[in-house]
């Protein structure tokens, strides 16, 4: 069964290595990642797309949506590794 979770964050306040590990986690469970900024929205197909989006978002708040199975485990992962991130 496919489910969705989203969270809001400011890319400048989080470390890239955490996003690299997060991307690997989502890939492990074959989850889809979507990122939304003020003027852009992307479905992430490769790690380089996620990092590029994060690097060029500067100080804007962003929204990440994860779609797939095992969403409860992903929510726990986000809570553990991204302190201060708000679930939307």
C-alpha atoms as a PDB file:
ATOM      1  CA  UNK A   1       0.000   0.000   0.000  1.00  0.00           C
ATOM      2  CA  UNK A   2       1.342   3.421  -0.966  1.00  0.00           C
ATOM      3  CA  UNK A   3       1.234   6.284   1.518  1.00  0.00           C
ATOM      4  CA  UNK A   4       2.534   9.838   1.648  1.00  0.00           C
ATOM      5  CA  UNK A   5       4.411  11.930   4.200  1.00  0.00           C
ATOM      6  CA  UNK A   6       5.721  15.460   3.856  1.00  0.00           C
ATOM      7  CA  UNK A   7       7.964  17.746   5.830  1.00  0.00           C
ATOM      8  CA  UNK A   8       9.010  21.366   5.666  1.00  0.00           C
ATOM      9  CA  UNK A   9      12.574  22.538   6.243  1.00  0.00           C
ATOM     10  CA  UNK A  10      15.116  25.235   5.488  1.00  0.00           C
ATOM     11  CA  UNK A  11      17.997  23.696   3.474  1.00  0.00           C
ATOM     12  CA  UNK A  12      20.583  26.126   4.816  1.00  0.00           C
ATOM     13  CA  UNK A  13      20.038  24.807   8.349  1.00  0.00           C
ATOM     14  CA  UNK A  14      20.628  21.113   7.577  1.00  0.00           C
ATOM     15  CA  UNK A  15      23.758  19.232   6.531  1.00  0.00           C
ATOM     16  CA  UNK A  16      24.074  17.699   3.079  1.00  0.00           C
ATOM     17  CA  UNK A  17      25.462  14.413   4.410  1.00  0.00           C
ATOM     18  CA  UNK A  18      22.144  13.841   6.187  1.00  0.00           C
ATOM     19  CA  UNK A  19      20.286  14.321   2.900  1.00  0.00           C
ATOM     20  CA  UNK A  20      22.625  11.894   1.147  1.00  0.00           C
ATOM     21  CA  UNK A  21      21.850   9.249   3.780  1.00  0.00           C
ATOM     22  CA  UNK A  22      18.144  10.108   3.584  1.00  0.00           C
ATOM     23  CA  UNK A  23      18.141   9.666  -0.197  1.00  0.00           C
ATOM     24  CA  UNK A  24      19.747   6.231   0.227  1.00  0.00           C
ATOM     25  CA  UNK A  25      17.149   5.309   2.832  1.00  0.00           C
ATOM     26  CA  UNK A  26      14.281   6.241   0.487  1.00  0.00           C
ATOM     27  CA  UNK A  27      15.899   4.375  -2.408  1.00  0.00           C
ATOM     28  CA  UNK A  28      16.236   1.269  -0.252  1.00  0.00           C
ATOM     29  CA  UNK A  29      12.439   1.181   0.165  1.00  0.00           C
ATOM     30  CA  UNK A  30      11.780   2.313  -3.429  1.00  0.00           C
ATOM     31  CA  UNK A  31      10.032   5.475  -2.280  1.00  0.00           C
ATOM     32  CA  UNK A  32       9.405   8.447  -4.572  1.00  0.00           C
ATOM     33  CA  UNK A  33      10.760  11.824  -3.495  1.00  0.00           C
ATOM     34  CA  UNK A  34       9.252  15.141  -4.586  1.00  0.00           C
ATOM     35  CA  UNK A  35      10.674  18.550  -3.637  1.00  0.00           C
ATOM     36  CA  UNK A  36       8.857  21.869  -3.728  1.00  0.00           C
ATOM     37  CA  UNK A  37      10.342  25.351  -3.391  1.00  0.00           C
ATOM     38  CA  UNK A  38       8.812  28.772  -3.938  1.00  0.00           C
ATOM     39  CA  UNK A  39       9.011  28.578  -7.723  1.00  0.00           C
ATOM     40  CA  UNK A  40      10.019  24.983  -8.454  1.00  0.00           C
ATOM     41  CA  UNK A  41       8.704  21.453  -8.063  1.00  0.00           C
ATOM     42  CA  UNK A  42      10.649  18.304  -8.995  1.00  0.00           C
ATOM     43  CA  UNK A  43      10.350  14.562  -8.799  1.00  0.00           C
ATOM     44  CA  UNK A  44      13.788  13.371  -7.736  1.00  0.00           C
ATOM     45  CA  UNK A  45      15.258  10.597  -9.875  1.00  0.00           C
ATOM     46  CA  UNK A  46      18.922  10.889  -8.837  1.00  0.00           C
ATOM     47  CA  UNK A  47      20.858  12.042  -5.797  1.00  0.00           C
ATOM     48  CA  UNK A  48      22.430  14.843  -7.849  1.00  0.00           C
ATOM     49  CA  UNK A  49      18.968  16.324  -8.500  1.00  0.00           C
ATOM     50  CA  UNK A  50      18.179  16.427  -4.789  1.00  0.00           C
ATOM     51  CA  UNK A  51      21.521  17.986  -3.875  1.00  0.00           C
ATOM     52  CA  UNK A  52      21.279  20.554  -6.661  1.00  0.00           C
ATOM     53  CA  UNK A  53      17.815  21.578  -5.529  1.00  0.00           C
ATOM     54  CA  UNK A  54      18.960  21.908  -1.920  1.00  0.00           C
ATOM     55  CA  UNK A  55      22.114  23.845  -2.773  1.00  0.00           C
ATOM     56  CA  UNK A  56      20.305  26.398  -4.905  1.00  0.00           C
ATOM     57  CA  UNK A  57      17.272  26.876  -2.648  1.00  0.00           C
ATOM     58  CA  UNK A  58      19.366  29.152  -0.410  1.00  0.00           C
ATOM     59  CA  UNK A  59      17.360  30.402   2.555  1.00  0.00           C
ATOM     60  CA  UNK A  60      13.918  29.499   1.276  1.00  0.00           C
ATOM     61  CA  UNK A  61      11.703  27.021   3.076  1.00  0.00           C
ATOM     62  CA  UNK A  62      11.144  23.838   1.077  1.00  0.00           C
ATOM     63  CA  UNK A  63       8.725  20.954   1.218  1.00  0.00           C
ATOM     64  CA  UNK A  64       9.694  17.333   0.614  1.00  0.00           C
ATOM     65  CA  UNK A  65       7.013  14.745  -0.091  1.00  0.00           C
ATOM     66  CA  UNK A  66       7.809  11.043   0.166  1.00  0.00           C
ATOM     67  CA  UNK A  67       5.473   8.493  -1.428  1.00  0.00           C
ATOM     68  CA  UNK A  68       5.668   4.751  -1.033  1.00  0.00           C
ATOM     69  CA  UNK A  69       5.459   1.906   1.415  1.00  0.00           C
ATOM     70  CA  UNK A  70       6.955   1.889   4.922  1.00  0.00           C
ATOM     71  CA  UNK A  71       6.076   5.552   5.447  1.00  0.00           C
ATOM     72  CA  UNK A  72       5.842   5.145   9.234  1.00  0.00           C
ATOM     73  CA  UNK A  73       9.468   3.996   9.323  1.00  0.00           C
ATOM     74  CA  UNK A  74      10.450   6.951   7.126  1.00  0.00           C
ATOM     75  CA  UNK A  75       8.653   9.321   9.480  1.00  0.00           C
ATOM     76  CA  UNK A  76      10.637   7.844  12.392  1.00  0.00           C
ATOM     77  CA  UNK A  77      13.861   8.212  10.378  1.00  0.00           C
ATOM     78  CA  UNK A  78      13.115  11.891   9.713  1.00  0.00           C
ATOM     79  CA  UNK A  79      12.321  12.550  13.386  1.00  0.00           C
ATOM     80  CA  UNK A  80      15.566  10.903  14.467  1.00  0.00           C
ATOM     81  CA  UNK A  81      17.968  12.398  11.892  1.00  0.00           C
ATOM     82  CA  UNK A  82      16.449  15.826  11.159  1.00  0.00           C
ATOM     83  CA  UNK A  83      15.763  17.578  14.463  1.00  0.00           C
ATOM     84  CA  UNK A  84      13.660  20.703  14.124  1.00  0.00           C
ATOM     85  CA  UNK A  85      12.051  19.627  10.849  1.00  0.00           C
ATOM     86  CA  UNK A  86       8.292  20.095  10.784  1.00  0.00           C
ATOM     87  CA  UNK A  87       5.929  17.445   9.459  1.00  0.00           C
ATOM     88  CA  UNK A  88       3.420  19.033   7.155  1.00  0.00           C
END
